[in-house]
C-alpha atoms as a PDB file:
ATOM      1  CA  MET A   1     -42.062 -34.055 -33.267  1.00  0.00           C
ATOM      2  CA  ALA A   2     -42.085 -37.346 -35.167  1.00  0.00           C
ATOM      3  CA  GLU A   3     -45.480 -38.933 -35.806  1.00  0.00           C
ATOM      4  CA  ARG A   4     -46.150 -42.019 -33.711  1.00  0.00           C
ATOM      5  CA  LYS A   5     -45.780 -45.249 -35.648  1.00  0.00           C
ATOM      6  CA  LEU A   6     -49.034 -47.177 -35.890  1.00  0.00           C
ATOM      7  CA  SER A   7     -49.258 -50.720 -34.588  1.00  0.00           C
ATOM      8  CA  PRO A   8     -50.160 -53.435 -37.136  1.00  0.00           C
ATOM      9  CA  ARG A   9     -53.729 -53.547 -35.819  1.00  0.00           C
ATOM     10  CA  GLU A  10     -54.019 -49.769 -36.063  1.00  0.00           C
ATOM     11  CA  GLU A  11     -52.714 -49.899 -39.647  1.00  0.00           C
ATOM     12  CA  PHE A  12     -55.306 -52.584 -40.428  1.00  0.00           C
ATOM     13  CA  ASP A  13     -58.135 -50.580 -38.861  1.00  0.00           C
ATOM     14  CA  LYS A  14     -57.048 -47.385 -40.629  1.00  0.00           C
ATOM     15  CA  ALA A  15     -57.142 -49.155 -43.998  1.00  0.00           C
ATOM     16  CA  LEU A  16     -60.575 -50.612 -43.220  1.00  0.00           C
ATOM     17  CA  ALA A  17     -61.960 -47.189 -42.364  1.00  0.00           C
ATOM     18  CA  GLU A  18     -60.399 -45.456 -45.375  1.00  0.00           C
ATOM     19  CA  ARG A  19     -61.206 -48.076 -48.029  1.00  0.00           C
ATOM     20  CA  ALA A  20     -64.601 -49.444 -46.928  1.00  0.00           C
ATOM     21  CA  ASP A  21     -66.544 -46.956 -49.071  1.00  0.00           C
ATOM     22  CA  ALA A  22     -64.643 -48.014 -52.190  1.00  0.00           C
ATOM     23  CA  PHE A  23     -65.894 -51.555 -51.590  1.00  0.00           C
ATOM     24  CA  GLY A  24     -69.441 -50.439 -50.802  1.00  0.00           C
ATOM     25  CA  VAL A  25     -69.113 -51.723 -47.228  1.00  0.00           C
ATOM     26  CA  ARG A  26     -70.409 -50.027 -44.080  1.00  0.00           C
ATOM     27  CA  LEU A  27     -68.562 -50.809 -40.861  1.00  0.00           C
ATOM     28  CA  ASP A  28     -69.665 -49.849 -37.378  1.00  0.00           C
ATOM     29  CA  GLY A  29     -67.269 -49.717 -34.430  1.00  0.00           C
ATOM     30  CA  GLU A  30     -68.225 -53.153 -33.118  1.00  0.00           C
ATOM     31  CA  THR A  31     -67.615 -54.809 -36.492  1.00  0.00           C
ATOM     32  CA  ARG A  32     -64.276 -53.061 -36.904  1.00  0.00           C
ATOM     33  CA  ALA A  33     -63.202 -54.200 -33.437  1.00  0.00           C
ATOM     34  CA  ARG A  34     -64.153 -57.795 -34.228  1.00  0.00           C
ATOM     35  CA  LEU A  35     -62.318 -57.655 -37.555  1.00  0.00           C
ATOM     36  CA  GLY A  36     -59.277 -56.205 -35.796  1.00  0.00           C
ATOM     37  CA  GLU A  37     -59.217 -59.147 -33.404  1.00  0.00           C
ATOM     38  CA  TYR A  38     -59.584 -61.504 -36.376  1.00  0.00           C
ATOM     39  CA  PHE A  39     -56.622 -59.808 -38.094  1.00  0.00           C
ATOM     40  CA  GLU A  40     -54.466 -60.360 -35.013  1.00  0.00           C
ATOM     41  CA  LEU A  41     -55.457 -64.031 -34.858  1.00  0.00           C
ATOM     42  CA  VAL A  42     -54.544 -64.610 -38.502  1.00  0.00           C
ATOM     43  CA  ALA A  43     -51.263 -62.718 -38.051  1.00  0.00           C
ATOM     44  CA  ALA A  44     -50.357 -64.883 -35.047  1.00  0.00           C
ATOM     45  CA  TRP A  45     -51.240 -68.236 -36.624  1.00  0.00           C
ATOM     46  CA  SER A  46     -50.288 -67.691 -40.259  1.00  0.00           C
ATOM     47  CA  PRO A  47     -46.489 -68.087 -39.898  1.00  0.00           C
ATOM     48  CA  ARG A  48     -47.066 -71.684 -38.738  1.00  0.00           C
ATOM     49  CA  LEU A  49     -50.060 -72.634 -40.868  1.00  0.00           C
ATOM     50  CA  HIS A  50     -49.569 -70.466 -43.979  1.00  0.00           C
ATOM     51  CA  LEU A  51     -53.150 -69.208 -43.738  1.00  0.00           C
ATOM     52  CA  VAL A  52     -52.515 -66.327 -46.153  1.00  0.00           C
ATOM     53  CA  ALA A  53     -49.545 -65.141 -48.176  1.00  0.00           C
ATOM     54  CA  PRO A  54     -47.379 -62.615 -46.290  1.00  0.00           C
ATOM     55  CA  CYS A  55     -48.786 -59.100 -46.638  1.00  0.00           C
ATOM     56  CA  VAL A  56     -48.848 -55.792 -44.810  1.00  0.00           C
ATOM     57  CA  PRO A  57     -51.874 -54.993 -42.585  1.00  0.00           C
ATOM     58  CA  SER A  58     -53.400 -52.572 -45.092  1.00  0.00           C
ATOM     59  CA  GLU A  59     -53.268 -55.218 -47.825  1.00  0.00           C
ATOM     60  CA  PHE A  60     -54.906 -57.785 -45.559  1.00  0.00           C
ATOM     61  CA  ALA A  61     -57.678 -55.256 -44.918  1.00  0.00           C
ATOM     62  CA  THR A  62     -58.383 -54.613 -48.600  1.00  0.00           C
ATOM     63  CA  ARG A  63     -57.325 -57.738 -50.472  1.00  0.00           C
ATOM     64  CA  HIS A  64     -58.746 -60.214 -47.992  1.00  0.00           C
ATOM     65  CA  VAL A  65     -61.304 -58.698 -45.611  1.00  0.00           C
ATOM     66  CA  LEU A  66     -63.013 -56.007 -47.688  1.00  0.00           C
ATOM     67  CA  GLU A  67     -62.945 -58.216 -50.773  1.00  0.00           C
ATOM     68  CA  SER A  68     -64.690 -60.942 -48.780  1.00  0.00           C
ATOM     69  CA  MET A  69     -67.310 -58.463 -47.582  1.00  0.00           C
ATOM     70  CA  LEU A  70     -68.396 -57.698 -51.145  1.00  0.00           C
ATOM     71  CA  ALA A  71     -70.633 -60.748 -50.769  1.00  0.00           C
ATOM     72  CA  LEU A  72     -72.699 -59.089 -48.023  1.00  0.00           C
ATOM     73  CA  ARG A  73     -75.073 -57.318 -50.387  1.00  0.00           C
ATOM     74  CA  PHE A  74     -76.073 -60.606 -52.002  1.00  0.00           C
ATOM     75  CA  LEU A  75     -76.925 -62.454 -48.775  1.00  0.00           C
ATOM     76  CA  GLU A  76     -80.567 -62.428 -47.757  1.00  0.00           C
ATOM     77  CA  GLU A  77     -81.612 -61.882 -44.147  1.00  0.00           C
ATOM     78  CA  GLY A  78     -81.140 -65.015 -42.049  1.00  0.00           C
ATOM     79  CA  ALA A  79     -79.195 -66.804 -44.771  1.00  0.00           C
ATOM     80  CA  THR A  80     -77.278 -70.033 -44.213  1.00  0.00           C
ATOM     81  CA  ILE A  81     -73.881 -70.462 -45.895  1.00  0.00           C
ATOM     82  CA  VAL A  82     -71.646 -73.418 -46.607  1.00  0.00           C
ATOM     83  CA  ASP A  83     -68.071 -72.224 -47.132  1.00  0.00           C
ATOM     84  CA  VAL A  84     -65.764 -74.684 -48.880  1.00  0.00           C
ATOM     85  CA  GLY A  85     -61.991 -74.536 -48.470  1.00  0.00           C
ATOM     86  CA  SER A  86     -62.250 -72.051 -45.613  1.00  0.00           C
ATOM     87  CA  GLY A  87     -58.506 -71.859 -44.842  1.00  0.00           C
ATOM     88  CA  ALA A  88     -58.074 -68.618 -42.902  1.00  0.00           C
ATOM     89  CA  GLY A  89     -61.841 -68.166 -42.682  1.00  0.00           C
ATOM     90  CA  LEU A  90     -62.206 -66.033 -45.790  1.00  0.00           C
ATOM     91  CA  PRO A  91     -64.743 -64.930 -46.864  1.00  0.00           C
ATOM     92  CA  VAL A  92     -67.083 -66.276 -44.207  1.00  0.00           C
ATOM     93  CA  ILE A  93     -65.615 -64.930 -40.938  1.00  0.00           C
ATOM     94  CA  PRO A  94     -65.725 -61.282 -42.114  1.00  0.00           C
ATOM     95  CA  LEU A  95     -69.309 -61.907 -43.264  1.00  0.00           C
ATOM     96  CA  LEU A  96     -70.274 -63.280 -39.853  1.00  0.00           C
ATOM     97  CA  ALA A  97     -68.502 -60.363 -38.157  1.00  0.00           C
ATOM     98  CA  ALA A  98     -70.734 -57.916 -39.991  1.00  0.00           C
ATOM     99  CA  ARG A  99     -74.036 -59.823 -39.897  1.00  0.00           C
ATOM    100  CA  ALA A 100     -75.352 -61.469 -36.730  1.00  0.00           C
ATOM    101  CA  ASP A 101     -78.275 -62.968 -38.694  1.00  0.00           C
ATOM    102  CA  LEU A 102     -76.049 -65.275 -40.762  1.00  0.00           C
ATOM    103  CA  LYS A 103     -75.293 -68.935 -40.047  1.00  0.00           C
ATOM    104  CA  ALA A 104     -72.472 -70.932 -41.627  1.00  0.00           C
ATOM    105  CA  VAL A 105     -70.726 -74.272 -41.956  1.00  0.00           C
ATOM    106  CA  LEU A 106     -67.005 -74.044 -42.734  1.00  0.00           C
ATOM    107  CA  VAL A 107     -65.604 -77.025 -44.627  1.00  0.00           C
ATOM    108  CA  GLU A 108     -61.800 -77.300 -44.401  1.00  0.00           C
ATOM    109  CA  ALA A 109     -59.733 -80.372 -45.310  1.00  0.00           C
ATOM    110  CA  SER A 110     -56.670 -79.377 -43.255  1.00  0.00           C
ATOM    111  CA  GLN A 111     -56.863 -80.539 -39.643  1.00  0.00           C
ATOM    112  CA  LYS A 112     -54.479 -77.798 -38.498  1.00  0.00           C
ATOM    113  CA  LYS A 113     -56.371 -75.028 -40.249  1.00  0.00           C
ATOM    114  CA  SER A 114     -59.597 -76.421 -38.799  1.00  0.00           C
ATOM    115  CA  VAL A 115     -58.107 -75.976 -35.316  1.00  0.00           C
ATOM    116  CA  PHE A 116     -57.442 -72.336 -36.168  1.00  0.00           C
ATOM    117  CA  LEU A 117     -60.975 -71.851 -37.491  1.00  0.00           C
ATOM    118  CA  ARG A 118     -62.536 -73.267 -34.330  1.00  0.00           C
ATOM    119  CA  GLU A 119     -60.309 -71.062 -32.178  1.00  0.00           C
ATOM    120  CA  ALA A 120     -61.155 -67.985 -34.248  1.00  0.00           C
ATOM    121  CA  LEU A 121     -64.896 -68.657 -34.077  1.00  0.00           C
ATOM    122  CA  SER A 122     -64.622 -69.134 -30.320  1.00  0.00           C
ATOM    123  CA  ARG A 123     -62.541 -66.011 -29.726  1.00  0.00           C
ATOM    124  CA  LEU A 124     -64.829 -63.907 -31.899  1.00  0.00           C
ATOM    125  CA  GLY A 125     -68.025 -65.106 -30.234  1.00  0.00           C
ATOM    126  CA  MET A 126     -69.266 -66.962 -33.323  1.00  0.00           C
ATOM    127  CA  ARG A 127     -69.567 -70.522 -32.008  1.00  0.00           C
ATOM    128  CA  GLU A 128     -73.366 -70.356 -32.054  1.00  0.00           C
ATOM    129  CA  ALA A 129     -73.394 -68.995 -35.595  1.00  0.00           C
ATOM    130  CA  ALA A 130     -70.941 -71.353 -37.283  1.00  0.00           C
ATOM    131  CA  GLY A 131     -69.375 -74.788 -37.119  1.00  0.00           C
ATOM    132  CA  VAL A 132     -66.327 -76.388 -38.724  1.00  0.00           C
ATOM    133  CA  VAL A 133     -66.208 -79.689 -40.637  1.00  0.00           C
ATOM    134  CA  SER A 134     -62.640 -80.932 -40.964  1.00  0.00           C
ATOM    135  CA  GLU A 135     -62.845 -82.998 -44.162  1.00  0.00           C
ATOM    136  CA  ARG A 136     -62.667 -82.729 -47.935  1.00  0.00           C
ATOM    137  CA  PHE A 137     -66.025 -81.640 -49.244  1.00  0.00           C
ATOM    138  CA  GLU A 138     -66.324 -84.692 -51.522  1.00  0.00           C
ATOM    139  CA  LYS A 139     -66.318 -86.989 -48.493  1.00  0.00           C
ATOM    140  CA  ILE A 140     -69.258 -85.449 -46.630  1.00  0.00           C
ATOM    141  CA  GLU A 141     -72.940 -84.931 -47.234  1.00  0.00           C
ATOM    142  CA  PRO A 142     -73.532 -81.335 -48.308  1.00  0.00           C
ATOM    143  CA  PRO A 143     -75.240 -79.373 -45.518  1.00  0.00           C
ATOM    144  CA  ALA A 144     -78.470 -77.573 -46.305  1.00  0.00           C
ATOM    145  CA  ALA A 145     -77.629 -73.990 -47.243  1.00  0.00           C
ATOM    146  CA  ASP A 146     -78.938 -70.981 -49.150  1.00  0.00           C
ATOM    147  CA  TYR A 147     -75.485 -69.995 -50.417  1.00  0.00           C
ATOM    148  CA  LEU A 148     -72.133 -71.591 -51.124  1.00  0.00           C
ATOM    149  CA  THR A 149     -69.039 -69.430 -50.818  1.00  0.00           C
ATOM    150  CA  CYS A 150     -65.569 -70.303 -52.038  1.00  0.00           C
ATOM    151  CA  ARG A 151     -62.535 -68.070 -52.284  1.00  0.00           C
ATOM    152  CA  ALA A 152     -59.273 -70.001 -52.070  1.00  0.00           C
ATOM    153  CA  LEU A 153     -59.968 -73.663 -52.744  1.00  0.00           C
ATOM    154  CA  GLU A 154     -56.873 -75.512 -53.951  1.00  0.00           C
ATOM    155  CA  ARG A 155     -57.037 -76.306 -57.689  1.00  0.00           C
ATOM    156  CA  PHE A 156     -60.303 -74.366 -57.807  1.00  0.00           C
ATOM    157  CA  THR A 157     -60.984 -74.607 -61.545  1.00  0.00           C
ATOM    158  CA  GLU A 158     -60.109 -78.308 -61.619  1.00  0.00           C
ATOM    159  CA  VAL A 159     -62.475 -79.276 -58.825  1.00  0.00           C
ATOM    160  CA  LEU A 160     -65.261 -76.865 -59.819  1.00  0.00           C
ATOM    161  CA  PRO A 161     -67.349 -79.506 -61.650  1.00  0.00           C
ATOM    162  CA  ALA A 162     -67.217 -81.769 -58.583  1.00  0.00           C
ATOM    163  CA  LEU A 163     -68.079 -78.839 -56.326  1.00  0.00           C
ATOM    164  CA  LEU A 164     -71.063 -77.931 -58.498  1.00  0.00           C
ATOM    165  CA  SER A 165     -72.345 -81.488 -58.420  1.00  0.00           C
ATOM    166  CA  TRP A 166     -71.818 -81.773 -54.668  1.00  0.00           C
ATOM    167  CA  SER A 167     -73.695 -78.535 -53.995  1.00  0.00           C
ATOM    168  CA  SER A 168     -76.520 -79.161 -56.485  1.00  0.00           C
ATOM    169  CA  ARG A 169     -79.200 -78.226 -53.923  1.00  0.00           C
ATOM    170  CA  VAL A 170     -77.614 -74.878 -53.025  1.00  0.00           C
ATOM    171  CA  PRO A 171     -79.434 -72.226 -55.087  1.00  0.00           C
ATOM    172  CA  THR A 172     -76.746 -69.507 -55.167  1.00  0.00           C
ATOM    173  CA  LEU A 173     -72.959 -69.692 -55.422  1.00  0.00           C
ATOM    174  CA  LEU A 174     -70.663 -66.787 -54.519  1.00  0.00           C
ATOM    175  CA  LEU A 175     -67.250 -67.562 -55.998  1.00  0.00           C
ATOM    176  CA  PHE A 176     -64.137 -65.383 -55.879  1.00  0.00           C
ATOM    177  CA  GLY A 177     -61.516 -65.730 -58.584  1.00  0.00           C
ATOM    178  CA  GLY A 178     -59.910 -64.447 -61.744  1.00  0.00           C
ATOM    179  CA  GLU A 179     -60.158 -64.945 -65.482  1.00  0.00           C
ATOM    180  CA  GLY A 180     -59.417 -68.658 -65.168  1.00  0.00           C
ATOM    181  CA  LEU A 181     -62.568 -69.145 -63.108  1.00  0.00           C
ATOM    182  CA  ARG A 182     -64.581 -67.063 -65.560  1.00  0.00           C
ATOM    183  CA  GLU A 183     -63.401 -69.237 -68.440  1.00  0.00           C
ATOM    184  CA  LYS A 184     -64.315 -72.400 -66.524  1.00  0.00           C
ATOM    185  CA  LEU A 185     -67.817 -71.110 -65.764  1.00  0.00           C
ATOM    186  CA  GLU A 186     -68.282 -70.232 -69.420  1.00  0.00           C
ATOM    187  CA  LEU A 187     -67.010 -73.656 -70.491  1.00  0.00           C
ATOM    188  CA  LEU A 188     -69.544 -75.286 -68.178  1.00  0.00           C
ATOM    189  CA  ARG A 189     -72.249 -73.027 -69.676  1.00  0.00           C
ATOM    190  CA  LEU A 190     -73.309 -71.688 -66.321  1.00  0.00           C
ATOM    191  CA  PRO A 191     -75.208 -68.383 -66.201  1.00  0.00           C
ATOM    192  CA  PHE A 192     -73.366 -65.930 -63.963  1.00  0.00           C
ATOM    193  CA  GLU A 193     -72.713 -62.296 -63.219  1.00  0.00           C
ATOM    194  CA  ALA A 194     -69.162 -61.078 -62.598  1.00  0.00           C
ATOM    195  CA  PHE A 195     -68.504 -58.126 -60.298  1.00  0.00           C
ATOM    196  CA  HIS A 196     -65.047 -56.582 -60.384  1.00  0.00           C
ATOM    197  CA  VAL A 197     -63.228 -56.425 -57.055  1.00  0.00           C
ATOM    198  CA  PRO A 198     -62.241 -52.787 -56.378  1.00  0.00           C
ATOM    199  CA  GLU A 199     -58.517 -52.027 -56.332  1.00  0.00           C
ATOM    200  CA  SER A 200     -57.700 -55.269 -58.147  1.00  0.00           C
ATOM    201  CA  GLU A 201     -56.729 -55.841 -61.754  1.00  0.00           C
ATOM    202  CA  ARG A 202     -58.529 -59.061 -62.596  1.00  0.00           C
ATOM    203  CA  ARG A 203     -60.307 -60.399 -59.549  1.00  0.00           C
ATOM    204  CA  PHE A 204     -64.056 -60.874 -59.505  1.00  0.00           C
ATOM    205  CA  LEU A 205     -66.947 -62.058 -57.408  1.00  0.00           C
ATOM    206  CA  PHE A 206     -68.937 -64.444 -59.580  1.00  0.00           C
ATOM    207  CA  ILE A 207     -72.618 -64.877 -58.701  1.00  0.00           C
ATOM    208  CA  VAL A 208     -74.071 -68.118 -60.027  1.00  0.00           C
ATOM    209  CA  LYS A 209     -77.792 -68.756 -59.615  1.00  0.00           C
ATOM    210  CA  ARG A 210     -79.018 -72.199 -60.586  1.00  0.00           C
ATOM    211  CA  GLY A 211     -81.270 -72.095 -63.624  1.00  0.00           C
ATOM    212  CA  GLU A 212     -81.534 -68.328 -63.972  1.00  0.00           C
ATOM    213  CA  LEU A 213     -79.464 -65.337 -64.975  1.00  0.00           C
ATOM    214  CA  LEU A 214     -79.082 -62.484 -62.549  1.00  0.00           C
ATOM    215  CA  VAL A 215     -80.487 -59.185 -63.708  1.00  0.00           C
ATOM    216  CA  GLU A 216     -79.324 -57.087 -60.774  1.00  0.00           C
ATOM    217  CA  GLN A 217     -76.470 -54.771 -61.638  1.00  0.00           C
ATOM    218  CA  TRP A 218     -73.548 -53.668 -59.482  1.00  0.00           C
END
């Protein structure tokens, strides 16, 4: 008898369950259910808004969701986050899905993507934990936050100096990127630690702490 074909959400959930350990992430049933609903929302909206590049459910689970959740271990209890260039809500929505103690402000320049973010936060029961600002970050006052996250900001390396200046009062930056971002951080003489993203060739989570070098190891 032929094996039943999994639905996209089942494929996504299967990949989450199988690959979470490789990313050092622990997922309970409630978190997996919330992430599954988030996956379906992105899948439904992305063809119109180009939230993420086309990919199979298992790739979305690893490349986008589990990668985003690498930041969890660096977030202190009760932390506040400002996420710049939120787009599809990565990394911050997976972080909020896993940690009820976190609060966030999502800054997204695209009006249409901001509509998606508000809908996703509402559907996932996160309206009390997070809000959306639909504007370019340069045009608003930076909200008070313990951490800044950024994963897919357009022209990331070009706007990094402006982003650093804008967020000067945020003590810790969690930045996702590749060798180009590493080179830019080195050029700006910023102390940072780079943690390799599992199952990727040259993607990293860069931890930048203002005025000090991290000593914690992966």
